[in-house]
C-alpha atoms as a PDB file:
ATOM      1  CA  MET A   1      38.637 -38.738  21.664  1.00  0.00           C
ATOM      2  CA  PRO A   2      34.943 -38.898  20.575  1.00  0.00           C
ATOM      3  CA  GLU A   3      33.775 -41.941  18.598  1.00  0.00           C
ATOM      4  CA  ASP A   4      34.034 -41.845  14.831  1.00  0.00           C
ATOM      5  CA  LEU A   5      31.197 -40.184  12.949  1.00  0.00           C
ATOM      6  CA  ILE A   6      29.886 -39.721   9.409  1.00  0.00           C
ATOM      7  CA  ILE A   7      27.587 -36.796   8.662  1.00  0.00           C
ATOM      8  CA  HIS A   8      25.539 -36.641   5.452  1.00  0.00           C
ATOM      9  CA  GLY A   9      23.892 -33.538   4.089  1.00  0.00           C
ATOM     10  CA  MET A  10      22.923 -31.293   1.197  1.00  0.00           C
ATOM     11  CA  LEU A  11      24.126 -27.880   0.067  1.00  0.00           C
ATOM     12  CA  GLU A  12      22.769 -25.056  -2.080  1.00  0.00           C
ATOM     13  CA  ASN A  13      19.070 -25.887  -2.115  1.00  0.00           C
ATOM     14  CA  ARG A  14      19.799 -29.641  -2.278  1.00  0.00           C
ATOM     15  CA  SER A  15      21.707 -29.347  -5.559  1.00  0.00           C
ATOM     16  CA  ILE A  16      24.914 -30.742  -4.041  1.00  0.00           C
ATOM     17  CA  ARG A  17      25.369 -33.598  -1.570  1.00  0.00           C
ATOM     18  CA  PHE A  18      28.185 -34.265   0.859  1.00  0.00           C
ATOM     19  CA  ALA A  19      29.406 -36.857   3.328  1.00  0.00           C
ATOM     20  CA  ALA A  20      32.056 -36.047   5.931  1.00  0.00           C
ATOM     21  CA  ILE A  21      33.876 -38.425   8.254  1.00  0.00           C
ATOM     22  CA  SER A  22      35.783 -38.161  11.481  1.00  0.00           C
ATOM     23  CA  GLY A  23      37.657 -41.468  11.421  1.00  0.00           C
ATOM     24  CA  THR A  24      40.547 -41.177  13.860  1.00  0.00           C
ATOM     25  CA  GLU A  25      39.751 -44.443  15.659  1.00  0.00           C
ATOM     26  CA  ILE A  26      39.386 -46.301  12.358  1.00  0.00           C
ATOM     27  CA  VAL A  27      42.909 -45.328  11.355  1.00  0.00           C
ATOM     28  CA  ARG A  28      44.350 -45.954  14.819  1.00  0.00           C
ATOM     29  CA  THR A  29      42.869 -49.455  14.823  1.00  0.00           C
ATOM     30  CA  ALA A  30      44.286 -50.204  11.377  1.00  0.00           C
ATOM     31  CA  GLN A  31      47.690 -48.878  12.459  1.00  0.00           C
ATOM     32  CA  SER A  32      47.854 -51.081  15.557  1.00  0.00           C
ATOM     33  CA  THR A  33      46.290 -54.160  13.927  1.00  0.00           C
ATOM     34  CA  HIS A  34      48.734 -54.237  11.023  1.00  0.00           C
ATOM     35  CA  ARG A  35      51.692 -52.522  12.733  1.00  0.00           C
ATOM     36  CA  LEU A  36      51.758 -49.979   9.919  1.00  0.00           C
ATOM     37  CA  SER A  37      54.663 -47.687   9.181  1.00  0.00           C
ATOM     38  CA  ARG A  38      53.928 -43.970   9.285  1.00  0.00           C
ATOM     39  CA  VAL A  39      53.580 -43.645   5.507  1.00  0.00           C
ATOM     40  CA  ALA A  40      51.496 -46.828   5.282  1.00  0.00           C
ATOM     41  CA  THR A  41      49.239 -45.460   8.037  1.00  0.00           C
ATOM     42  CA  ALA A  42      48.671 -42.285   6.024  1.00  0.00           C
ATOM     43  CA  ALA A  43      48.015 -44.164   2.781  1.00  0.00           C
ATOM     44  CA  LEU A  44      45.788 -46.962   4.066  1.00  0.00           C
ATOM     45  CA  GLY A  45      44.112 -44.517   6.440  1.00  0.00           C
ATOM     46  CA  ARG A  46      43.033 -42.286   3.571  1.00  0.00           C
ATOM     47  CA  GLN A  47      41.660 -45.239   1.642  1.00  0.00           C
ATOM     48  CA  LEU A  48      39.789 -46.539   4.696  1.00  0.00           C
ATOM     49  CA  LEU A  49      38.187 -43.123   5.202  1.00  0.00           C
ATOM     50  CA  MET A  50      36.982 -42.958   1.589  1.00  0.00           C
ATOM     51  CA  THR A  51      35.755 -46.554   1.586  1.00  0.00           C
ATOM     52  CA  SER A  52      33.833 -45.912   4.809  1.00  0.00           C
ATOM     53  CA  ILE A  53      32.192 -42.821   3.328  1.00  0.00           C
ATOM     54  CA  ALA A  54      31.228 -44.740   0.166  1.00  0.00           C
ATOM     55  CA  ALA A  55      29.859 -47.635   2.225  1.00  0.00           C
ATOM     56  CA  SER A  56      27.728 -45.267   4.283  1.00  0.00           C
ATOM     57  CA  MET A  57      26.050 -44.074   1.058  1.00  0.00           C
ATOM     58  CA  MET A  58      24.979 -47.528  -0.160  1.00  0.00           C
ATOM     59  CA  LYS A  59      21.255 -48.129  -0.548  1.00  0.00           C
ATOM     60  CA  ASN A  60      20.894 -51.634   0.875  1.00  0.00           C
ATOM     61  CA  ARG A  61      22.209 -53.036   4.167  1.00  0.00           C
ATOM     62  CA  THR A  62      23.639 -56.102   2.410  1.00  0.00           C
ATOM     63  CA  ASP A  63      25.616 -54.118  -0.191  1.00  0.00           C
ATOM     64  CA  THR A  64      29.405 -54.044   0.045  1.00  0.00           C
ATOM     65  CA  ILE A  65      32.084 -51.971  -1.620  1.00  0.00           C
ATOM     66  CA  THR A  66      35.691 -53.019  -2.159  1.00  0.00           C
ATOM     67  CA  THR A  67      38.415 -50.589  -3.197  1.00  0.00           C
ATOM     68  CA  VAL A  68      41.826 -51.725  -4.433  1.00  0.00           C
ATOM     69  CA  ILE A  69      44.798 -49.459  -5.097  1.00  0.00           C
ATOM     70  CA  ALA A  70      47.582 -51.100  -7.090  1.00  0.00           C
ATOM     71  CA  GLY A  71      50.387 -48.665  -7.841  1.00  0.00           C
ATOM     72  CA  ASN A  72      53.927 -49.096  -9.107  1.00  0.00           C
ATOM     73  CA  GLY A  73      55.446 -48.023  -5.774  1.00  0.00           C
ATOM     74  CA  PRO A  74      56.635 -50.287  -2.950  1.00  0.00           C
ATOM     75  CA  SER A  75      53.217 -50.445  -1.250  1.00  0.00           C
ATOM     76  CA  GLY A  76      51.970 -53.475  -3.167  1.00  0.00           C
ATOM     77  CA  ASN A  77      48.178 -53.577  -3.099  1.00  0.00           C
ATOM     78  CA  LEU A  78      45.967 -51.687  -0.640  1.00  0.00           C
ATOM     79  CA  VAL A  79      42.585 -53.380  -0.176  1.00  0.00           C
ATOM     80  CA  CYS A  80      39.591 -52.033   1.764  1.00  0.00           C
ATOM     81  CA  VAL A  81      36.063 -53.381   2.143  1.00  0.00           C
ATOM     82  CA  GLY A  82      33.133 -51.341   3.412  1.00  0.00           C
ATOM     83  CA  ARG A  83      29.662 -52.419   4.466  1.00  0.00           C
ATOM     84  CA  ASP A  84      26.469 -51.086   6.010  1.00  0.00           C
ATOM     85  CA  GLY A  85      26.794 -47.902   8.037  1.00  0.00           C
ATOM     86  CA  GLY A  86      30.402 -47.237   7.098  1.00  0.00           C
ATOM     87  CA  LEU A  87      31.940 -50.279   8.791  1.00  0.00           C
ATOM     88  CA  VAL A  88      35.264 -50.894   7.098  1.00  0.00           C
ATOM     89  CA  LYS A  89      38.314 -53.134   7.089  1.00  0.00           C
ATOM     90  CA  GLY A  90      41.520 -53.039   5.093  1.00  0.00           C
ATOM     91  CA  TYR A  91      45.142 -54.041   4.721  1.00  0.00           C
ATOM     92  CA  ALA A  92      48.295 -53.208   2.789  1.00  0.00           C
ATOM     93  CA  THR A  93      50.425 -56.007   1.391  1.00  0.00           C
ATOM     94  CA  GLU A  94      53.589 -54.103   2.366  1.00  0.00           C
ATOM     95  CA  PRO A  95      52.630 -52.460   5.675  1.00  0.00           C
ATOM     96  CA  LYS A  96      56.061 -51.889   7.218  1.00  0.00           C
ATOM     97  CA  ILE A  97      57.865 -50.006   4.452  1.00  0.00           C
ATOM     98  CA  GLU A  98      58.932 -46.532   5.537  1.00  0.00           C
ATOM     99  CA  LEU A  99      60.094 -43.692   3.302  1.00  0.00           C
ATOM    100  CA  PRO A 100      61.955 -40.432   3.986  1.00  0.00           C
ATOM    101  CA  LEU A 101      59.785 -37.357   4.421  1.00  0.00           C
ATOM    102  CA  ARG A 102      59.229 -35.146   1.386  1.00  0.00           C
ATOM    103  CA  ALA A 103      61.122 -31.882   1.037  1.00  0.00           C
ATOM    104  CA  ASP A 104      58.147 -30.068   2.615  1.00  0.00           C
ATOM    105  CA  GLY A 105      58.297 -32.338   5.671  1.00  0.00           C
ATOM    106  CA  LYS A 106      55.166 -34.334   4.821  1.00  0.00           C
ATOM    107  CA  LEU A 107      54.809 -38.092   4.494  1.00  0.00           C
ATOM    108  CA  ASP A 108      55.551 -39.347   0.987  1.00  0.00           C
ATOM    109  CA  VAL A 109      52.293 -41.149   0.221  1.00  0.00           C
ATOM    110  CA  ARG A 110      52.832 -40.738  -3.518  1.00  0.00           C
ATOM    111  CA  GLY A 111      56.261 -42.335  -3.235  1.00  0.00           C
ATOM    112  CA  TYR A 112      54.739 -45.245  -1.321  1.00  0.00           C
ATOM    113  CA  ILE A 113      51.827 -45.821  -3.726  1.00  0.00           C
ATOM    114  CA  GLY A 114      53.630 -44.890  -6.957  1.00  0.00           C
ATOM    115  CA  ASN A 115      52.927 -42.458  -9.778  1.00  0.00           C
ATOM    116  CA  SER A 116      51.004 -44.908 -11.981  1.00  0.00           C
ATOM    117  CA  GLY A 117      48.704 -47.874 -11.522  1.00  0.00           C
ATOM    118  CA  LYS A 118      45.014 -48.623 -11.078  1.00  0.00           C
ATOM    119  CA  LEU A 119      42.206 -47.809  -8.679  1.00  0.00           C
ATOM    120  CA  THR A 120      39.483 -50.465  -8.797  1.00  0.00           C
ATOM    121  CA  VAL A 121      36.095 -50.142  -7.112  1.00  0.00           C
ATOM    122  CA  ILE A 122      33.838 -53.195  -6.791  1.00  0.00           C
ATOM    123  CA  ARG A 123      30.235 -52.660  -5.742  1.00  0.00           C
ATOM    124  CA  ASP A 124      28.408 -55.869  -4.770  1.00  0.00           C
ATOM    125  CA  MET A 125      24.682 -55.140  -4.655  1.00  0.00           C
ATOM    126  CA  GLY A 126      23.461 -58.738  -4.585  1.00  0.00           C
ATOM    127  CA  LEU A 127      23.021 -59.007  -8.353  1.00  0.00           C
ATOM    128  CA  LYS A 128      24.421 -61.828 -10.500  1.00  0.00           C
ATOM    129  CA  GLU A 129      27.630 -59.904 -11.058  1.00  0.00           C
ATOM    130  CA  PRO A 130      29.114 -57.020  -9.045  1.00  0.00           C
ATOM    131  CA  TYR A 131      29.754 -53.666 -10.687  1.00  0.00           C
ATOM    132  CA  VAL A 132      33.473 -53.195 -11.296  1.00  0.00           C
ATOM    133  CA  GLY A 133      34.934 -49.807 -12.213  1.00  0.00           C
ATOM    134  CA  THR A 134      38.565 -48.863 -12.726  1.00  0.00           C
ATOM    135  CA  CYS A 135      40.615 -45.800 -13.499  1.00  0.00           C
ATOM    136  CA  ASN A 136      44.272 -44.946 -13.753  1.00  0.00           C
ATOM    137  CA  LEU A 137      45.942 -43.387 -10.734  1.00  0.00           C
ATOM    138  CA  ILE A 138      46.610 -39.743 -11.460  1.00  0.00           C
ATOM    139  CA  SER A 139      48.659 -38.773  -8.413  1.00  0.00           C
ATOM    140  CA  GLY A 140      49.068 -41.591  -5.916  1.00  0.00           C
ATOM    141  CA  GLU A 141      47.832 -39.200  -3.215  1.00  0.00           C
ATOM    142  CA  ILE A 142      44.550 -41.169  -3.027  1.00  0.00           C
ATOM    143  CA  ALA A 143      42.073 -38.291  -2.611  1.00  0.00           C
ATOM    144  CA  GLU A 144      42.752 -36.999  -6.125  1.00  0.00           C
ATOM    145  CA  ASP A 145      42.596 -40.550  -7.452  1.00  0.00           C
ATOM    146  CA  PHE A 146      39.156 -41.162  -5.940  1.00  0.00           C
ATOM    147  CA  ALA A 147      37.922 -37.812  -7.270  1.00  0.00           C
ATOM    148  CA  GLN A 148      39.104 -38.876 -10.729  1.00  0.00           C
ATOM    149  CA  TYR A 149      37.389 -42.251 -10.334  1.00  0.00           C
ATOM    150  CA  PHE A 150      34.018 -40.773  -9.343  1.00  0.00           C
ATOM    151  CA  THR A 151      34.163 -38.236 -12.171  1.00  0.00           C
ATOM    152  CA  ALA A 152      35.415 -40.517 -14.951  1.00  0.00           C
ATOM    153  CA  SER A 153      34.009 -43.950 -14.070  1.00  0.00           C
ATOM    154  CA  GLU A 154      30.745 -43.052 -12.331  1.00  0.00           C
ATOM    155  CA  GLN A 155      30.074 -39.714 -14.098  1.00  0.00           C
ATOM    156  CA  GLN A 156      29.781 -38.020 -10.719  1.00  0.00           C
ATOM    157  CA  PRO A 157      31.827 -34.792 -10.543  1.00  0.00           C
ATOM    158  CA  SER A 158      33.373 -34.786  -7.069  1.00  0.00           C
ATOM    159  CA  ILE A 159      35.622 -33.023  -4.620  1.00  0.00           C
ATOM    160  CA  VAL A 160      37.469 -35.406  -2.295  1.00  0.00           C
ATOM    161  CA  TYR A 161      39.566 -34.518   0.742  1.00  0.00           C
ATOM    162  CA  LEU A 162      41.257 -37.185   2.900  1.00  0.00           C
ATOM    163  CA  GLY A 163      43.669 -36.378   5.692  1.00  0.00           C
ATOM    164  CA  VAL A 164      45.542 -38.389   8.340  1.00  0.00           C
ATOM    165  CA  HIS A 165      47.548 -36.461  10.936  1.00  0.00           C
ATOM    166  CA  GLU A 166      50.284 -38.220  12.907  1.00  0.00           C
ATOM    167  CA  ASN A 167      52.539 -37.128  15.751  1.00  0.00           C
ATOM    168  CA  ALA A 168      55.963 -36.305  14.335  1.00  0.00           C
ATOM    169  CA  ALA A 169      57.776 -38.008  17.198  1.00  0.00           C
ATOM    170  CA  ASP A 170      56.092 -41.417  17.332  1.00  0.00           C
ATOM    171  CA  GLY A 171      53.596 -41.628  14.458  1.00  0.00           C
ATOM    172  CA  PHE A 172      50.564 -41.712  16.785  1.00  0.00           C
ATOM    173  CA  VAL A 173      47.417 -40.771  14.837  1.00  0.00           C
ATOM    174  CA  THR A 174      46.111 -37.515  16.258  1.00  0.00           C
ATOM    175  CA  GLY A 175      43.286 -36.965  13.784  1.00  0.00           C
ATOM    176  CA  ALA A 176      41.834 -38.369  10.571  1.00  0.00           C
ATOM    177  CA  GLY A 177      38.984 -37.095   8.455  1.00  0.00           C
ATOM    178  CA  GLY A 178      37.567 -36.857   4.992  1.00  0.00           C
ATOM    179  CA  LEU A 179      34.985 -35.070   2.900  1.00  0.00           C
ATOM    180  CA  LEU A 180      33.185 -36.030  -0.299  1.00  0.00           C
ATOM    181  CA  ILE A 181      31.199 -33.375  -2.180  1.00  0.00           C
ATOM    182  CA  GLN A 182      29.214 -34.337  -5.296  1.00  0.00           C
ATOM    183  CA  THR A 183      26.914 -32.448  -7.627  1.00  0.00           C
ATOM    184  CA  MET A 184      23.362 -33.679  -8.177  1.00  0.00           C
ATOM    185  CA  PRO A 185      21.780 -33.853 -11.663  1.00  0.00           C
ATOM    186  CA  ASN A 186      21.118 -30.421 -13.169  1.00  0.00           C
ATOM    187  CA  CYS A 187      23.156 -28.691 -10.506  1.00  0.00           C
ATOM    188  CA  PRO A 188      23.331 -24.983 -11.419  1.00  0.00           C
ATOM    189  CA  ASN A 189      26.712 -23.433 -12.120  1.00  0.00           C
ATOM    190  CA  GLU A 190      26.088 -20.841  -9.423  1.00  0.00           C
ATOM    191  CA  ALA A 191      25.890 -23.560  -6.780  1.00  0.00           C
ATOM    192  CA  ILE A 192      29.172 -25.066  -7.983  1.00  0.00           C
ATOM    193  CA  GLU A 193      30.804 -21.639  -7.831  1.00  0.00           C
ATOM    194  CA  HIS A 194      29.597 -21.165  -4.249  1.00  0.00           C
ATOM    195  CA  VAL A 195      31.128 -24.496  -3.201  1.00  0.00           C
ATOM    196  CA  MET A 196      34.378 -23.739  -5.003  1.00  0.00           C
ATOM    197  CA  SER A 197      34.598 -20.480  -3.066  1.00  0.00           C
ATOM    198  CA  ILE A 198      35.281 -22.466   0.135  1.00  0.00           C
ATOM    199  CA  ALA A 199      37.388 -25.217  -1.494  1.00  0.00           C
ATOM    200  CA  ASN A 200      40.657 -23.784  -0.214  1.00  0.00           C
ATOM    201  CA  ARG A 201      39.392 -24.210   3.371  1.00  0.00           C
ATOM    202  CA  ILE A 202      38.481 -27.900   3.063  1.00  0.00           C
ATOM    203  CA  PRO A 203      42.029 -29.105   3.975  1.00  0.00           C
ATOM    204  CA  GLU A 204      41.492 -27.500   7.412  1.00  0.00           C
ATOM    205  CA  LEU A 205      39.341 -30.508   8.321  1.00  0.00           C
ATOM    206  CA  GLY A 206      42.091 -32.943   9.312  1.00  0.00           C
ATOM    207  CA  GLY A 207      44.042 -30.437  11.348  1.00  0.00           C
ATOM    208  CA  ARG A 208      40.996 -29.185  13.230  1.00  0.00           C
ATOM    209  CA  LEU A 209      39.957 -32.748  14.081  1.00  0.00           C
ATOM    210  CA  SER A 210      43.517 -33.338  15.294  1.00  0.00           C
ATOM    211  CA  GLU A 211      43.132 -30.352  17.614  1.00  0.00           C
ATOM    212  CA  GLY A 212      40.000 -31.861  19.158  1.00  0.00           C
ATOM    213  CA  GLU A 213      37.254 -29.913  17.378  1.00  0.00           C
ATOM    214  CA  SER A 214      34.101 -31.885  16.579  1.00  0.00           C
ATOM    215  CA  LEU A 215      33.159 -32.765  13.012  1.00  0.00           C
ATOM    216  CA  GLN A 216      29.796 -31.035  13.429  1.00  0.00           C
ATOM    217  CA  SER A 217      31.444 -27.793  14.544  1.00  0.00           C
ATOM    218  CA  ILE A 218      33.859 -27.828  11.615  1.00  0.00           C
ATOM    219  CA  LEU A 219      31.077 -28.405   9.077  1.00  0.00           C
ATOM    220  CA  ASP A 220      28.896 -25.682  10.620  1.00  0.00           C
ATOM    221  CA  ASP A 221      31.755 -23.254  10.092  1.00  0.00           C
ATOM    222  CA  LEU A 222      32.892 -24.541   6.689  1.00  0.00           C
ATOM    223  CA  PHE A 223      29.394 -24.547   5.160  1.00  0.00           C
ATOM    224  CA  ALA A 224      28.087 -21.419   6.916  1.00  0.00           C
ATOM    225  CA  THR A 225      27.457 -19.624   3.594  1.00  0.00           C
ATOM    226  CA  LEU A 226      26.217 -22.615   1.579  1.00  0.00           C
ATOM    227  CA  ASP A 227      22.598 -23.236   2.663  1.00  0.00           C
ATOM    228  CA  VAL A 228      23.488 -26.468   4.453  1.00  0.00           C
ATOM    229  CA  GLU A 229      20.965 -29.168   5.423  1.00  0.00           C
ATOM    230  CA  TYR A 230      22.057 -32.163   7.502  1.00  0.00           C
ATOM    231  CA  THR A 231      20.228 -35.364   6.592  1.00  0.00           C
ATOM    232  CA  ASP A 232      21.789 -38.339   8.390  1.00  0.00           C
ATOM    233  CA  THR A 233      24.546 -39.562  10.678  1.00  0.00           C
ATOM    234  CA  LYS A 234      26.382 -42.888  10.854  1.00  0.00           C
ATOM    235  CA  HIS A 235      28.824 -44.395  13.325  1.00  0.00           C
ATOM    236  CA  PRO A 236      31.593 -46.074  11.324  1.00  0.00           C
ATOM    237  CA  ALA A 237      34.337 -48.310  12.715  1.00  0.00           C
ATOM    238  CA  PHE A 238      37.180 -50.574  11.699  1.00  0.00           C
ATOM    239  CA  SER A 239      35.375 -53.909  11.937  1.00  0.00           C
ATOM    240  CA  CYS A 240      36.237 -57.288  10.445  1.00  0.00           C
ATOM    241  CA  ASP A 241      33.457 -59.783   9.748  1.00  0.00           C
ATOM    242  CA  CYS A 242      35.673 -62.833   9.256  1.00  0.00           C
ATOM    243  CA  THR A 243      34.399 -66.154  10.646  1.00  0.00           C
ATOM    244  CA  ARG A 244      35.710 -69.687  10.973  1.00  0.00           C
ATOM    245  CA  ASP A 245      33.081 -70.785   8.458  1.00  0.00           C
ATOM    246  CA  ARG A 246      34.526 -68.436   5.825  1.00  0.00           C
ATOM    247  CA  LEU A 247      38.008 -69.804   6.396  1.00  0.00           C
ATOM    248  CA  GLU A 248      36.665 -73.355   6.109  1.00  0.00           C
ATOM    249  CA  ARG A 249      35.192 -72.443   2.734  1.00  0.00           C
ATOM    250  CA  ALA A 250      38.566 -71.044   1.716  1.00  0.00           C
ATOM    251  CA  LEU A 251      40.199 -74.371   2.562  1.00  0.00           C
ATOM    252  CA  LEU A 252      37.497 -76.252   0.665  1.00  0.00           C
ATOM    253  CA  SER A 253      38.114 -74.074  -2.372  1.00  0.00           C
ATOM    254  CA  ILE A 254      41.688 -75.364  -2.768  1.00  0.00           C
ATOM    255  CA  GLY A 255      40.338 -78.825  -3.599  1.00  0.00           C
ATOM    256  CA  LYS A 256      40.745 -82.431  -2.495  1.00  0.00           C
ATOM    257  CA  GLU A 257      44.300 -82.866  -3.777  1.00  0.00           C
ATOM    258  CA  GLU A 258      45.724 -79.863  -1.951  1.00  0.00           C
ATOM    259  CA  LEU A 259      43.859 -80.704   1.267  1.00  0.00           C
ATOM    260  CA  THR A 260      45.329 -84.210   1.091  1.00  0.00           C
ATOM    261  CA  ASN A 261      48.822 -82.747   0.702  1.00  0.00           C
ATOM    262  CA  ILE A 262      48.349 -80.545   3.775  1.00  0.00           C
ATOM    263  CA  LEU A 263      47.160 -83.515   5.820  1.00  0.00           C
ATOM    264  CA  GLN A 264      50.062 -85.694   4.747  1.00  0.00           C
ATOM    265  CA  GLN A 265      52.780 -83.063   5.119  1.00  0.00           C
ATOM    266  CA  ASP A 266      51.632 -81.023   8.135  1.00  0.00           C
ATOM    267  CA  GLY A 267      48.592 -82.651   9.658  1.00  0.00           C
ATOM    268  CA  GLN A 268      47.202 -79.225  10.508  1.00  0.00           C
ATOM    269  CA  ALA A 269      46.710 -75.738   9.094  1.00  0.00           C
ATOM    270  CA  GLU A 270      46.613 -72.205  10.465  1.00  0.00           C
ATOM    271  CA  LEU A 271      45.002 -69.445   8.435  1.00  0.00           C
ATOM    272  CA  THR A 272      45.283 -65.760   9.243  1.00  0.00           C
ATOM    273  CA  CYS A 273      42.672 -63.199   8.209  1.00  0.00           C
ATOM    274  CA  GLN A 274      44.432 -60.523   6.154  1.00  0.00           C
ATOM    275  CA  PHE A 275      42.074 -57.826   7.393  1.00  0.00           C
ATOM    276  CA  CYS A 276      42.281 -58.294  11.171  1.00  0.00           C
ATOM    277  CA  GLU A 277      45.228 -60.683  11.726  1.00  0.00           C
ATOM    278  CA  LYS A 278      43.010 -63.154  13.604  1.00  0.00           C
ATOM    279  CA  LYS A 279      44.332 -66.711  13.399  1.00  0.00           C
ATOM    280  CA  TYR A 280      42.196 -69.797  12.820  1.00  0.00           C
ATOM    281  CA  HIS A 281      43.658 -73.228  13.636  1.00  0.00           C
ATOM    282  CA  PHE A 282      42.511 -76.425  11.911  1.00  0.00           C
ATOM    283  CA  ASP A 283      43.739 -79.688  13.449  1.00  0.00           C
ATOM    284  CA  ARG A 284      43.899 -83.099  11.769  1.00  0.00           C
ATOM    285  CA  GLU A 285      40.298 -83.919  12.680  1.00  0.00           C
ATOM    286  CA  ASN A 286      39.075 -80.631  11.183  1.00  0.00           C
ATOM    287  CA  LEU A 287      41.038 -81.179   7.970  1.00  0.00           C
ATOM    288  CA  GLU A 288      39.848 -84.772   7.601  1.00  0.00           C
ATOM    289  CA  ALA A 289      36.232 -83.585   7.891  1.00  0.00           C
ATOM    290  CA  LEU A 290      36.872 -80.936   5.234  1.00  0.00           C
ATOM    291  CA  LEU A 291      38.548 -83.536   3.002  1.00  0.00           C
ATOM    292  CA  ARG A 292      35.492 -85.784   3.261  1.00  0.00           C
ATOM    293  CA  GLU A 293      33.290 -82.831   2.300  1.00  0.00           C
ATOM    294  CA  ALA A 294      35.556 -81.906  -0.624  1.00  0.00           C
ATOM    295  CA  THR A 295      35.592 -85.535  -1.814  1.00  0.00           C
ATOM    296  CA  ALA A 296      31.808 -85.765  -1.684  1.00  0.00           C
ATOM    297  CA  THR A 297      31.503 -82.501  -3.616  1.00  0.00           C
ATOM    298  CA  GLU A 298      33.802 -83.674  -6.417  1.00  0.00           C
ATOM    299  CA  GLU A 299      32.097 -87.051  -6.836  1.00  0.00           C
END
């Protein structure tokens, strides 16, 4: 399987932009890291794909984007964070829940997420406060919800496709891909009509990736009549940037009193990164040093 890829480009005399992702390895890594059920793999996989695309479109290397889906289904919260180049990490608070297939034989992502709730997007661009946008979930299928978010909260009319294909027998991810298409300011109606003429073919993307076709080949075919111009490529991946220092700061944030309680009751602490499941152990000496730092800070 080729490495994951994001391709950026323009359509219809640069009046429409797009970003497409082949993210099979991203979803496979998330599935194995968090031991996801089949339906959780499909749901979190779609969100990871969209977050990676959005991260690849950020202007500055230090910018980050966080997406949170909180529905009324059994999934709990799905949280993804993207950074420079489409690097992404994510987790689901209820990763092992499985649901029966829908009547059409497909995974019940909507049943897992729920039919109401919120999609929140946090863009941290290094300013005093991050930009936070929210919208109501309209389907729980994730792609439609992101399209609604971009259109309603960021005034950016969008088409979003996200697809994760899994082997029916064992849930192995055979292909995963996504496509974001957005109009530019003053986009002519004729250009929009041209794009809409191929809209019914966009869902081919996931299946063709699953069959081994390259993302470039699929886009060449899909956009053959749309005056396509490719502008950039990125190499995304599921990648966690957790460090021991960050976990130390998390322990410091709980304060002197709580650190004292941990020392007295347990004499040690073990923290696990939610995004990558890596464990960090803090022995008595480590905790005593943190307690001294917390005490000095509060004085």
